[in-house]
Amino acid sequence: METNTPPTQTQTTENLWTVDQVATYLRCTVRHVHNLLRTGLPHLYLGRLLRFDADEVRAYLLKHRRVRSDV
């Protein structure tokens, strides 16, 4: 038997990152994260709060990575 219980707050917020968390993950500045927004970094707004889906951030990085060929 399957029950349709809503996810707990912990389960939901684990997958949503703040700007600071994205900056920490990328090891860059908050300003750089805001610049990445202009180039298509996936994000969403929860009211006035800017949030990032962790899986979408990882997928964006894989799609936009550049590997040096002279190494």
Protein backbone atom coordinates (compact mmCIF):
# COMPACT_ATOMS: atom_id res chain seq x y z
CA MET A 1 0.00 0.00 0.00
CA GLU A 2 1.39 3.37 -1.05
CA THR A 3 0.68 6.58 0.83
CA ASN A 4 0.96 10.02 -0.68
CA THR A 5 2.71 11.87 2.10
CA PRO A 6 4.29 15.23 1.30
CA PRO A 7 8.08 15.40 1.57
CA THR A 8 9.46 16.73 4.81
CA GLN A 9 11.14 20.12 4.89
CA THR A 10 14.54 18.46 5.26
CA GLN A 11 14.05 16.38 2.11
CA THR A 12 12.91 19.40 0.11
CA THR A 13 15.56 21.88 1.19
CA GLU A 14 18.46 19.44 0.77
CA ASN A 15 18.05 19.70 -3.00
CA LEU A 16 17.64 23.47 -3.07
CA TRP A 17 20.76 25.57 -2.61
CA THR A 18 21.17 29.24 -1.76
CA VAL A 19 23.54 31.52 -3.66
CA ASP A 20 26.11 31.05 -0.89
CA GLN A 21 25.86 27.27 -1.13
CA VAL A 22 26.34 27.34 -4.90
CA ALA A 23 29.36 29.62 -4.47
CA THR A 24 30.82 27.24 -1.92
CA TYR A 25 30.18 24.24 -4.18
CA LEU A 26 31.80 25.99 -7.16
CA ARG A 27 34.56 27.51 -4.98
CA CYS A 28 33.85 30.95 -6.38
CA THR A 29 32.37 34.25 -5.25
CA VAL A 30 28.70 35.09 -4.87
CA ARG A 31 29.20 37.73 -7.54
CA HIS A 32 30.38 35.05 -9.98
CA VAL A 33 27.25 32.99 -9.28
CA HIS A 34 25.12 36.05 -10.16
CA ASN A 35 27.13 36.43 -13.38
CA LEU A 36 26.44 32.77 -14.19
CA LEU A 37 22.71 33.50 -13.87
CA ARG A 38 23.03 35.72 -16.94
CA THR A 39 24.61 32.87 -18.90
CA GLY A 40 21.81 30.44 -18.08
CA LEU A 41 22.53 28.87 -14.70
CA PRO A 42 19.17 27.26 -13.83
CA HIS A 43 17.45 28.84 -10.85
CA LEU A 44 14.05 29.45 -9.35
CA TYR A 45 12.40 31.97 -7.11
CA LEU A 46 10.38 31.00 -4.08
CA GLY A 47 8.72 34.33 -3.54
CA ARG A 48 11.71 36.65 -3.25
CA LEU A 49 14.15 33.86 -2.39
CA LEU A 50 16.58 32.79 -5.10
CA ARG A 51 17.23 29.05 -5.01
CA PHE A 52 19.07 26.50 -7.15
CA ASP A 53 18.24 22.85 -7.69
CA ALA A 54 21.42 20.91 -6.88
CA ASP A 55 20.92 18.38 -9.70
CA GLU A 56 20.30 21.14 -12.26
CA VAL A 57 23.46 22.98 -11.18
CA ARG A 58 25.50 19.79 -11.62
CA ALA A 59 23.93 19.13 -15.03
CA TYR A 60 24.65 22.73 -16.10
CA LEU A 61 28.30 22.29 -15.13
CA LEU A 62 28.63 19.07 -17.10
CA LYS A 63 27.00 20.63 -20.15
CA HIS A 64 29.15 23.78 -20.07
CA ARG A 65 32.51 22.40 -19.04
CA ARG A 66 35.52 22.95 -21.24
CA VAL A 67 38.41 20.53 -21.20
CA ARG A 68 41.84 21.74 -22.30
CA SER A 69 43.15 19.69 -25.19
CA ASP A 70 46.80 20.73 -24.82
CA VAL A 71 47.28 19.02 -21.45
